[in-house]
N, C-alpha and C. Protein backbone atom coordinates (compact mmCIF):
# COMPACT_ATOMS: atom_id res chain seq x y z
N UNK A 1 80.95 84.22 -95.55
CA UNK A 1 80.53 84.56 -94.62
C UNK A 1 80.55 83.50 -93.27
N UNK A 2 81.23 83.79 -91.97
CA UNK A 2 81.63 83.10 -91.15
C UNK A 2 80.20 82.65 -90.34
N UNK A 3 79.81 81.76 -89.95
CA UNK A 3 78.45 81.28 -89.12
C UNK A 3 79.71 80.88 -87.35
N UNK A 4 79.08 81.64 -86.65
CA UNK A 4 79.74 80.96 -85.19
C UNK A 4 78.61 80.45 -84.69
N UNK A 5 78.72 79.18 -84.54
CA UNK A 5 78.05 78.38 -83.97
C UNK A 5 78.47 77.97 -82.84
N UNK A 6 77.80 77.30 -81.92
CA UNK A 6 78.11 76.54 -80.43
C UNK A 6 79.47 76.28 -80.45
N UNK A 7 80.02 74.84 -81.64
CA UNK A 7 80.95 74.36 -81.35
C UNK A 7 81.87 75.30 -81.74
N UNK A 8 82.19 76.03 -83.17
CA UNK A 8 83.02 77.10 -83.32
C UNK A 8 83.46 78.37 -82.46
N UNK A 9 82.53 78.33 -81.40
CA UNK A 9 82.38 79.67 -80.13
C UNK A 9 83.21 78.86 -79.00
N UNK A 10 83.34 77.18 -78.57
CA UNK A 10 83.84 76.61 -78.01
C UNK A 10 85.26 76.19 -78.34
N UNK A 11 85.26 75.97 -79.62
CA UNK A 11 86.88 75.79 -80.32
C UNK A 11 87.40 77.21 -80.11
N UNK A 12 87.00 78.94 -80.60
CA UNK A 12 87.37 80.31 -80.17
C UNK A 12 88.02 80.48 -78.73
N UNK A 13 87.51 79.83 -77.87
CA UNK A 13 87.65 80.21 -76.30
C UNK A 13 88.88 78.92 -76.05
N UNK A 14 89.00 78.03 -76.42
CA UNK A 14 90.00 77.06 -76.14
C UNK A 14 91.06 78.04 -76.71
N UNK A 15 90.89 78.67 -77.91
CA UNK A 15 91.97 79.33 -78.04
C UNK A 15 92.44 80.19 -77.63
N UNK A 16 91.38 81.33 -76.99
CA UNK A 16 91.37 82.33 -76.42
C UNK A 16 92.11 81.58 -74.66
N UNK A 17 91.84 80.58 -73.90
CA UNK A 17 92.21 79.71 -72.78
C UNK A 17 93.91 79.96 -73.39
N UNK A 18 94.85 80.38 -73.85
CA UNK A 18 95.96 80.02 -74.02
C UNK A 18 96.47 81.18 -73.23
N UNK A 19 96.39 82.25 -73.77
CA UNK A 19 97.18 83.19 -73.19
C UNK A 19 96.72 83.69 -71.24
N UNK A 20 95.44 82.74 -71.09
CA UNK A 20 94.95 82.84 -69.77
C UNK A 20 95.94 81.82 -69.17
N UNK A 21 96.12 80.53 -69.51
CA UNK A 21 97.18 79.84 -68.92
C UNK A 21 98.44 80.12 -68.70
N UNK A 22 98.91 80.76 -70.00
CA UNK A 22 100.64 81.53 -69.86
C UNK A 22 100.53 82.11 -68.69
N UNK A 23 99.55 83.16 -68.53
CA UNK A 23 99.72 84.03 -67.27
C UNK A 23 99.45 83.32 -65.96
N UNK A 24 98.76 82.52 -65.60
CA UNK A 24 98.79 82.34 -64.70
C UNK A 24 100.09 81.32 -64.20
N UNK A 25 100.39 80.59 -65.44
CA UNK A 25 101.49 79.47 -65.03
C UNK A 25 102.67 80.66 -64.50
N UNK A 26 102.64 81.56 -65.03
CA UNK A 26 103.90 82.79 -64.46
C UNK A 26 103.88 83.62 -63.02
N UNK A 27 102.78 83.04 -62.87
CA UNK A 27 101.99 84.17 -61.76
C UNK A 27 102.58 83.12 -60.53
N UNK A 28 103.23 84.25 -59.05
CA UNK A 28 103.99 83.90 -58.09
C UNK A 28 102.77 83.64 -56.97
N UNK A 29 102.08 82.14 -57.62
CA UNK A 29 101.02 81.82 -56.37
C UNK A 29 101.49 80.56 -56.42
N UNK A 30 101.05 79.76 -54.95
CA UNK A 30 101.55 78.68 -54.65
C UNK A 30 100.32 77.65 -55.28
N UNK A 31 99.33 78.35 -55.88
CA UNK A 31 98.02 77.46 -56.40
C UNK A 31 97.54 77.38 -58.02
N UNK A 32 98.97 78.21 -59.22
CA UNK A 32 99.30 78.39 -60.00
C UNK A 32 99.05 76.65 -60.49
N UNK A 33 99.68 75.92 -59.97
CA UNK A 33 99.78 74.63 -61.00
C UNK A 33 98.20 73.95 -60.87
N UNK A 34 97.72 74.24 -59.81
CA UNK A 34 96.08 73.77 -59.70
C UNK A 34 95.49 74.77 -61.28
N UNK A 35 95.68 75.84 -60.79
CA UNK A 35 94.87 76.78 -61.44
C UNK A 35 95.25 76.47 -63.20
N UNK A 36 96.64 75.99 -63.73
CA UNK A 36 96.68 75.93 -64.85
C UNK A 36 96.22 74.54 -65.44
N UNK A 37 96.18 73.51 -64.43
CA UNK A 37 95.49 72.01 -64.73
C UNK A 37 94.23 72.24 -65.45
N UNK A 38 93.61 72.91 -64.09
CA UNK A 38 92.22 73.27 -64.63
C UNK A 38 92.06 74.09 -65.80
N UNK A 39 92.71 74.84 -66.29
CA UNK A 39 92.14 75.59 -67.12
C UNK A 39 92.85 74.57 -68.78
N UNK A 40 93.49 73.94 -68.63
CA UNK A 40 93.72 72.72 -69.31
C UNK A 40 92.67 71.64 -69.72
N UNK A 41 92.42 71.12 -67.70
CA UNK A 41 91.28 70.21 -68.29
C UNK A 41 90.25 70.89 -68.99
N UNK A 42 89.87 71.99 -68.65
CA UNK A 42 89.00 72.00 -69.32
C UNK A 42 88.61 72.94 -70.85
N UNK A 43 89.93 73.38 -71.39
CA UNK A 43 90.10 73.45 -72.80
C UNK A 43 90.23 71.59 -73.04
N UNK A 44 90.93 70.77 -72.79
CA UNK A 44 90.93 69.35 -73.20
C UNK A 44 89.21 69.46 -73.49
N UNK A 45 88.42 68.95 -72.34
CA UNK A 45 87.30 68.89 -72.31
C UNK A 45 86.39 69.59 -73.86
N UNK A 46 86.77 71.28 -73.97
CA UNK A 46 85.87 71.89 -74.82
C UNK A 46 86.36 71.44 -76.04
N UNK A 47 87.45 70.41 -76.55
CA UNK A 47 88.15 69.52 -77.55
C UNK A 47 87.30 68.40 -77.86
N UNK A 48 86.79 67.72 -76.75
CA UNK A 48 86.10 66.78 -77.28
C UNK A 48 84.62 66.94 -77.61
N UNK A 49 83.63 67.90 -76.19
CA UNK A 49 82.49 69.09 -76.53
C UNK A 49 82.42 69.44 -78.14
N UNK A 50 83.26 70.06 -78.53
CA UNK A 50 83.24 71.08 -79.54
C UNK A 50 82.82 70.25 -80.85
N UNK A 51 83.32 69.17 -81.14
CA UNK A 51 83.37 68.03 -81.93
C UNK A 51 82.26 67.16 -81.41
N UNK A 52 81.75 67.27 -80.88
CA UNK A 52 80.70 66.05 -80.50
C UNK A 52 79.38 66.85 -80.58
N UNK A 53 79.42 68.30 -80.48
CA UNK A 53 77.98 68.87 -80.60
C UNK A 53 77.89 69.50 -82.07
N UNK A 54 79.10 69.59 -82.60
CA UNK A 54 78.72 69.65 -84.09
C UNK A 54 78.43 68.39 -84.90
N UNK A 55 78.90 67.32 -84.17
CA UNK A 55 78.29 66.67 -84.95
C UNK A 55 76.94 65.74 -84.46
N UNK A 56 76.72 65.96 -83.35
CA UNK A 56 75.29 65.65 -82.72
C UNK A 56 73.93 66.91 -83.16
N UNK A 57 74.33 67.91 -83.44
CA UNK A 57 73.96 69.23 -83.81
C UNK A 57 73.58 69.81 -85.05
N UNK A 58 74.46 68.84 -86.09
CA UNK A 58 74.74 69.15 -87.10
C UNK A 58 75.04 70.05 -87.28
N UNK A 59 76.18 70.41 -86.98
CA UNK A 59 77.24 71.85 -86.97
C UNK A 59 78.42 72.08 -87.55
N UNK A 60 78.85 71.22 -88.18
CA UNK A 60 80.01 70.56 -88.96
C UNK A 60 80.19 71.90 -89.72
N UNK A 61 81.11 72.98 -89.87
CA UNK A 61 81.50 73.34 -90.57
C UNK A 61 83.38 73.43 -91.23
N UNK A 62 83.26 73.95 -92.36
CA UNK A 62 84.53 73.44 -92.78
C UNK A 62 85.51 74.64 -91.91
N UNK A 63 84.95 75.56 -91.41
CA UNK A 63 85.76 76.53 -90.53
C UNK A 63 86.09 75.77 -89.36
N UNK A 64 85.11 75.37 -88.64
CA UNK A 64 85.13 74.60 -87.86
C UNK A 64 86.68 72.86 -87.84
N UNK A 65 85.94 72.55 -88.96
CA UNK A 65 87.08 71.36 -88.62
C UNK A 65 88.80 72.05 -89.01
N UNK A 66 89.09 73.25 -89.92
CA UNK A 66 89.98 74.05 -90.05
C UNK A 66 90.34 73.91 -88.35
N UNK A 67 89.56 75.07 -87.79
CA UNK A 67 89.71 75.40 -86.65
C UNK A 67 90.08 74.76 -85.22
N UNK A 68 89.64 73.68 -85.23
CA UNK A 68 89.92 72.53 -84.27
C UNK A 68 91.42 72.01 -83.81
N UNK A 69 91.63 71.43 -84.90
CA UNK A 69 92.93 71.21 -84.96
C UNK A 69 94.15 72.52 -84.57
N UNK A 70 93.73 73.47 -85.10
CA UNK A 70 94.53 74.51 -85.13
C UNK A 70 94.71 74.78 -83.48
N UNK A 71 93.29 74.56 -83.12
CA UNK A 71 93.40 75.40 -81.82
C UNK A 71 93.78 74.10 -80.63
N UNK A 72 94.07 72.52 -80.87
CA UNK A 72 94.45 72.02 -80.61
C UNK A 72 96.48 71.80 -80.32
N UNK A 73 96.42 72.13 -81.62
CA UNK A 73 97.67 72.19 -81.48
C UNK A 73 98.71 73.62 -80.88
N UNK A 74 98.00 74.00 -81.17
CA UNK A 74 98.22 75.61 -80.29
C UNK A 74 98.48 75.30 -78.98
N UNK A 75 97.59 74.69 -78.46
CA UNK A 75 97.41 74.27 -76.80
C UNK A 75 98.55 73.45 -76.56
N UNK A 76 98.61 72.02 -76.92
CA UNK A 76 99.42 71.47 -76.85
C UNK A 76 100.95 71.98 -76.80
N UNK A 77 101.03 72.43 -78.00
CA UNK A 77 102.58 73.60 -78.23
C UNK A 77 102.86 74.17 -77.21
N UNK A 78 102.39 75.23 -77.00
CA UNK A 78 102.46 76.35 -75.95
C UNK A 78 102.45 75.81 -74.63
N UNK A 79 101.89 74.84 -74.73
CA UNK A 79 102.39 74.24 -73.17
C UNK A 79 103.29 73.16 -72.95
N UNK A 80 103.60 72.63 -74.05
CA UNK A 80 104.95 71.89 -74.07
C UNK A 80 106.10 72.94 -73.75
N UNK A 81 106.22 74.39 -74.69
CA UNK A 81 107.12 74.91 -74.29
C UNK A 81 107.14 75.88 -73.02
N UNK A 82 106.16 75.85 -72.52
CA UNK A 82 106.48 76.23 -71.17
C UNK A 82 106.92 75.06 -70.41
N UNK A 83 106.87 74.27 -70.23
CA UNK A 83 107.02 73.24 -69.12
C UNK A 83 108.61 73.04 -69.24
N UNK A 84 108.85 72.43 -71.16
CA UNK A 84 110.54 72.30 -71.49
C UNK A 84 111.01 74.19 -70.94
N UNK A 85 110.88 75.14 -70.67
CA UNK A 85 111.22 76.16 -70.28
C UNK A 85 111.20 76.28 -68.94
N UNK A 86 110.46 75.61 -67.66
CA UNK A 86 110.79 75.19 -66.81
C UNK A 86 111.26 74.13 -66.42
N UNK A 87 111.37 73.20 -66.88
CA UNK A 87 112.47 72.27 -66.65
C UNK A 87 113.56 72.60 -66.87
N UNK A 88 114.04 73.11 -68.33
CA UNK A 88 115.09 72.99 -68.99
C UNK A 88 116.23 71.64 -69.08
N UNK A 89 115.91 71.04 -69.32
CA UNK A 89 116.83 69.22 -69.22
C UNK A 89 116.39 68.62 -71.19
N UNK A 90 117.15 68.24 -71.19
CA UNK A 90 117.25 67.42 -72.59
C UNK A 90 116.37 66.30 -72.24
N UNK A 91 115.79 65.59 -70.77
CA UNK A 91 114.83 64.87 -70.66
C UNK A 91 113.68 64.76 -71.32
N UNK A 92 113.08 66.18 -70.74
CA UNK A 92 112.06 66.89 -71.63
C UNK A 92 111.93 67.57 -72.21
N UNK A 93 112.96 68.10 -73.14
CA UNK A 93 113.10 69.03 -74.57
C UNK A 93 112.87 67.71 -75.41
N UNK A 94 113.59 66.44 -75.75
CA UNK A 94 113.17 65.36 -76.28
C UNK A 94 111.89 65.21 -76.82
N UNK A 95 111.09 64.95 -76.09
CA UNK A 95 109.71 64.23 -76.36
C UNK A 95 108.93 65.22 -76.62
N UNK A 96 109.33 66.64 -75.98
CA UNK A 96 108.20 67.89 -76.20
C UNK A 96 108.87 68.26 -78.02
N UNK A 97 109.88 68.08 -78.31
CA UNK A 97 110.31 68.32 -79.62
C UNK A 97 109.83 67.16 -80.88
N UNK A 98 110.18 65.89 -80.22
CA UNK A 98 109.28 65.23 -81.26
C UNK A 98 107.60 65.30 -81.26
N UNK A 99 107.10 65.57 -80.12
CA UNK A 99 105.44 65.88 -80.75
C UNK A 99 105.31 67.55 -80.59
N UNK A 100 106.08 67.90 -80.94
CA UNK A 100 105.67 69.15 -81.58
C UNK A 100 106.46 69.00 -83.04
N UNK A 101 106.96 68.92 -82.81
CA UNK A 101 107.64 68.54 -84.97
C UNK A 101 106.45 67.31 -85.54
N UNK A 102 105.88 66.35 -85.05
CA UNK A 102 105.07 65.40 -85.43
C UNK A 102 103.79 65.94 -86.16
N UNK A 103 103.48 67.27 -85.27
CA UNK A 103 102.32 67.85 -85.44
C UNK A 103 102.23 69.08 -85.98
N UNK A 104 103.48 69.21 -86.87
CA UNK A 104 103.90 70.45 -87.81
C UNK A 104 104.00 69.59 -88.88
N UNK A 105 104.52 68.25 -89.10
CA UNK A 105 104.85 67.39 -90.15
C UNK A 105 103.23 66.74 -90.64
N UNK A 106 102.72 66.36 -89.95
CA UNK A 106 101.11 66.18 -89.82
C UNK A 106 100.26 66.89 -90.03
N UNK A 107 100.16 68.09 -89.67
CA UNK A 107 99.51 69.17 -90.40
C UNK A 107 99.46 69.74 -91.63
N UNK A 108 101.52 69.65 -91.99
CA UNK A 108 101.57 70.13 -93.62
C UNK A 108 101.13 68.86 -94.36
N UNK A 109 101.73 67.58 -93.75
CA UNK A 109 101.07 66.53 -94.70
C UNK A 109 99.20 66.24 -95.23
N UNK A 110 98.91 66.53 -94.41
CA UNK A 110 97.34 66.75 -94.15
C UNK A 110 96.85 67.63 -95.38
N UNK A 111 97.53 68.74 -95.10
CA UNK A 111 97.25 70.18 -96.26
C UNK A 111 97.30 69.56 -97.56
N UNK A 112 98.77 69.16 -97.74
CA UNK A 112 99.45 68.89 -98.83
C UNK A 112 98.16 67.76 -99.77
N UNK A 113 98.11 66.63 -98.95
CA UNK A 113 97.43 65.91 -99.29
C UNK A 113 96.17 65.99 -99.71
N UNK A 114 95.19 67.37 -99.15
CA UNK A 114 94.27 67.48 -99.51
C UNK A 114 94.03 68.33 -100.70
N UNK A 115 95.24 68.83 -100.88
CA UNK A 115 95.66 70.15 -102.20
C UNK A 115 95.41 68.92 -103.01
N UNK A 116 95.91 68.19 -103.21
CA UNK A 116 96.15 66.43 -104.16
C UNK A 116 95.15 65.95 -104.07
N UNK A 117 93.73 66.32 -103.47
CA UNK A 117 92.40 64.96 -103.34
C UNK A 117 92.76 63.84 -102.71
N UNK A 118 93.78 64.13 -101.53
CA UNK A 118 93.83 62.61 -101.22
C UNK A 118 93.75 62.85 -99.86
N UNK A 119 92.93 64.05 -99.16
CA UNK A 119 92.75 64.21 -97.39
C UNK A 119 92.23 62.81 -96.63
N UNK A 120 91.35 62.01 -97.49
CA UNK A 120 90.89 61.33 -96.59
C UNK A 120 91.87 59.72 -96.28
N UNK A 121 93.37 59.93 -96.35
CA UNK A 121 94.32 59.06 -96.31
C UNK A 121 95.06 59.06 -95.16
N UNK A 122 94.95 60.26 -94.92
CA UNK A 122 95.56 60.29 -93.65
C UNK A 122 94.70 61.01 -92.58
N UNK A 123 93.24 60.62 -92.63
CA UNK A 123 92.41 61.17 -91.48
C UNK A 123 92.99 60.36 -90.35
N UNK A 124 92.27 61.01 -89.00
CA UNK A 124 92.88 60.61 -87.50
C UNK A 124 92.53 58.89 -87.59
N UNK A 125 94.06 58.20 -86.84
CA UNK A 125 93.86 56.68 -87.08
C UNK A 125 93.49 56.94 -85.22
N UNK A 126 93.66 55.66 -85.24
CA UNK A 126 93.46 55.11 -83.72
C UNK A 126 94.69 54.95 -82.93
N UNK A 127 96.07 54.98 -83.50
CA UNK A 127 97.24 55.36 -82.74
C UNK A 127 97.00 56.74 -82.53
N UNK A 128 96.59 57.99 -83.53
CA UNK A 128 96.77 58.91 -83.15
C UNK A 128 95.80 59.47 -81.89
N UNK A 129 94.65 58.62 -81.84
CA UNK A 129 93.74 58.87 -80.68
C UNK A 129 94.07 58.51 -79.32
N UNK A 130 95.41 57.54 -79.33
CA UNK A 130 95.99 56.65 -78.26
C UNK A 130 97.09 57.74 -77.83
N UNK A 131 97.80 58.59 -79.19
CA UNK A 131 98.86 59.56 -78.64
C UNK A 131 97.95 60.84 -78.00
N UNK A 132 96.93 61.41 -78.31
CA UNK A 132 96.52 62.09 -77.94
C UNK A 132 95.52 62.04 -76.20
N UNK A 133 95.71 60.96 -76.20
CA UNK A 133 94.84 60.75 -75.17
C UNK A 133 96.95 60.93 -73.98
N UNK A 134 97.22 59.77 -74.62
CA UNK A 134 99.01 60.40 -73.15
C UNK A 134 99.48 61.16 -73.52
N UNK A 135 99.23 62.27 -74.42
CA UNK A 135 99.56 63.47 -74.62
C UNK A 135 98.98 64.51 -73.52
N UNK A 136 97.56 64.31 -73.91
CA UNK A 136 96.75 64.64 -72.82
C UNK A 136 96.80 64.95 -71.34
N UNK A 137 96.89 63.84 -71.08
CA UNK A 137 97.17 63.11 -69.46
C UNK A 137 98.33 63.57 -69.05
N UNK A 138 99.71 63.01 -69.52
CA UNK A 138 100.92 63.88 -69.52
C UNK A 138 100.78 64.80 -69.43
N UNK A 139 100.51 66.04 -70.11
CA UNK A 139 100.41 67.43 -69.49
C UNK A 139 99.49 67.80 -68.72
N UNK A 140 98.43 67.26 -68.41
CA UNK A 140 98.02 67.06 -67.03
C UNK A 140 98.70 67.15 -65.57
N UNK A 141 99.57 65.97 -65.96
CA UNK A 141 100.34 66.07 -65.00
C UNK A 141 101.65 66.49 -64.66
N UNK A 142 102.21 67.01 -65.81
CA UNK A 142 103.28 67.65 -65.72
C UNK A 142 102.60 68.97 -65.45
N UNK A 143 101.26 69.43 -65.75
CA UNK A 143 101.51 71.08 -65.25
C UNK A 143 101.05 71.01 -63.70
N UNK A 144 100.06 69.70 -63.52
CA UNK A 144 99.80 69.73 -61.63
C UNK A 144 101.29 69.39 -61.02
N UNK A 145 102.11 68.61 -61.42
CA UNK A 145 103.33 68.41 -61.08
C UNK A 145 103.89 68.06 -59.69
N UNK A 146 102.66 68.23 -58.76
CA UNK A 146 102.69 67.74 -57.15
C UNK A 146 101.99 65.91 -56.95
N UNK A 147 102.89 65.65 -55.95
CA UNK A 147 102.32 64.21 -55.62
C UNK A 147 100.79 64.44 -55.16
N UNK A 148 100.02 63.33 -55.82
CA UNK A 148 98.40 63.34 -54.78
C UNK A 148 97.83 62.03 -54.83
N UNK A 149 97.96 62.18 -53.26
CA UNK A 149 97.53 60.25 -53.07
C UNK A 149 98.77 59.43 -52.56
N UNK A 150 99.84 60.18 -52.35
CA UNK A 150 101.27 59.61 -52.67
C UNK A 150 101.75 59.10 -54.03
N UNK A 151 100.72 59.72 -54.99
CA UNK A 151 101.47 59.06 -55.95
C UNK A 151 102.40 60.25 -57.08
N UNK A 152 103.52 59.74 -57.35
CA UNK A 152 104.76 60.66 -58.03
C UNK A 152 103.87 61.33 -59.45
N UNK A 153 102.77 62.13 -59.19
CA UNK A 153 102.26 62.63 -60.50
C UNK A 153 103.21 63.00 -61.45
N UNK A 154 104.28 64.03 -61.01
CA UNK A 154 105.01 64.25 -62.15
C UNK A 154 105.63 63.51 -62.72
N UNK A 155 106.12 62.51 -61.83
CA UNK A 155 107.03 61.24 -62.70
C UNK A 155 106.01 60.10 -63.72
N UNK A 156 104.59 60.22 -63.36
CA UNK A 156 103.91 59.49 -63.66
C UNK A 156 103.51 61.02 -65.45
N UNK A 157 103.73 62.02 -65.00
CA UNK A 157 103.88 62.90 -66.40
C UNK A 157 104.70 62.36 -67.19
N UNK A 158 105.77 62.41 -66.56
CA UNK A 158 107.23 61.67 -67.49
C UNK A 158 107.31 60.67 -68.31
N UNK A 159 106.37 59.75 -67.57
CA UNK A 159 106.72 58.48 -68.75
C UNK A 159 105.60 58.78 -69.91
N UNK A 160 104.22 59.39 -69.32
CA UNK A 160 103.52 59.09 -70.36
C UNK A 160 103.75 60.04 -71.14
N UNK A 161 104.50 61.24 -71.06
CA UNK A 161 105.17 62.21 -72.18
C UNK A 161 105.73 61.27 -72.67
N UNK A 162 106.84 60.56 -72.32
CA UNK A 162 107.94 59.48 -73.45
C UNK A 162 106.66 58.08 -73.88
N UNK A 163 105.78 58.07 -73.86
CA UNK A 163 104.92 56.90 -74.16
C UNK A 163 104.08 57.69 -75.20
N UNK A 164 103.59 59.17 -74.81
CA UNK A 164 103.30 59.75 -75.81
C UNK A 164 104.41 60.18 -77.00
N UNK A 165 104.97 60.67 -76.94
CA UNK A 165 106.40 60.94 -78.02
C UNK A 165 106.45 59.58 -78.62
N UNK A 166 106.80 58.51 -78.14
CA UNK A 166 106.98 56.95 -78.82
C UNK A 166 105.28 56.65 -80.01
N UNK A 167 104.83 57.13 -79.45
CA UNK A 167 103.25 56.67 -79.95
C UNK A 167 102.74 57.91 -81.24
N UNK A 168 103.53 59.20 -80.73
CA UNK A 168 103.87 60.37 -81.71
C UNK A 168 104.50 59.51 -83.50
N UNK A 169 105.69 59.43 -82.34
CA UNK A 169 106.60 58.41 -84.12
C UNK A 169 105.78 57.32 -84.98
N UNK A 170 105.35 56.55 -83.93
CA UNK A 170 104.64 55.67 -84.52
C UNK A 170 103.44 56.21 -85.74
N UNK A 171 102.92 56.67 -84.84
CA UNK A 171 101.59 57.58 -86.03
C UNK A 171 102.48 58.14 -87.00
N UNK A 172 102.98 59.16 -86.61
CA UNK A 172 103.59 59.84 -88.13
C UNK A 172 104.36 58.80 -89.12
N UNK A 173 105.00 57.46 -88.50
CA UNK A 173 105.55 56.62 -89.66
C UNK A 173 104.63 56.40 -90.29
N UNK A 174 103.04 55.97 -89.73
CA UNK A 174 102.36 55.38 -90.40
C UNK A 174 101.44 55.97 -91.25
N UNK A 175 101.19 57.32 -90.87
CA UNK A 175 100.77 58.57 -91.64
C UNK A 175 101.58 58.74 -92.68
N UNK A 176 102.62 58.74 -92.75
CA UNK A 176 103.72 59.24 -93.50
C UNK A 176 103.77 57.60 -94.86
N UNK A 177 103.58 56.65 -94.43
CA UNK A 177 103.61 55.39 -95.03
C UNK A 177 102.37 55.58 -96.22
N UNK A 178 101.53 55.82 -95.51
CA UNK A 178 100.46 55.32 -96.25
C UNK A 178 100.57 56.67 -97.59
N UNK A 179 100.79 58.12 -96.97
CA UNK A 179 100.69 58.84 -97.92
C UNK A 179 101.63 58.62 -99.28
N UNK A 180 103.08 58.29 -98.90
CA UNK A 180 104.14 57.93 -99.63
C UNK A 180 103.27 56.80 -100.87
N UNK A 181 102.74 55.70 -100.07
CA UNK A 181 101.99 54.94 -100.66
C UNK A 181 101.06 55.36 -101.92
N UNK A 182 100.01 56.08 -101.00
CA UNK A 182 99.13 57.20 -101.99
C UNK A 182 99.59 57.58 -102.98
N UNK A 183 100.76 58.09 -102.74
CA UNK A 183 101.21 58.84 -103.62
C UNK A 183 102.06 58.35 -105.28
N UNK A 184 102.88 57.00 -104.82
CA UNK A 184 103.13 56.40 -105.24
C UNK A 184 102.24 55.69 -106.60
N UNK A 185 100.89 55.39 -105.74
CA UNK A 185 99.84 54.74 -106.93
C UNK A 185 99.17 55.71 -107.85
N UNK A 186 100.04 57.05 -107.70
CA UNK A 186 99.28 58.15 -108.52
C UNK A 186 100.24 57.87 -109.75
């Protein structure tokens, strides 16, 4: 029986916000970029908050541990697809494909490592945290995409997306190396 505690409800709300973000993204409204940015920021904050609350309140569950990364990957992948679709250039498609491809690869690797009892060897690393930060800020900038205080927010978003793609490859290679070493030792 599943228990729906506050952290799990926040994660489910993050998943539920995805269709809302998609609809708002396509609205012919001059403030849709601001609304999408706010929705994404709120979703990113719930990502931090649900984990914090689960630990603080002692409400960590297997379902929550499964659902949280699924919600993150869904949100990031869908928003990157929206951005690529609206930009339609190789310059934005390549880093987006790298990021989405890495997420699928590492999620599969973690599942496989868990099946052979070695999940702890592919736990989240510091590089992965840096990647996530660069990725989230890049997406926020690309969703907003208008200059702010004379800062070229969209260009900053592009630069951060490329940084996130580099960190993505670095973290993926790191995870794969650890996994291969662990497997070879068995």
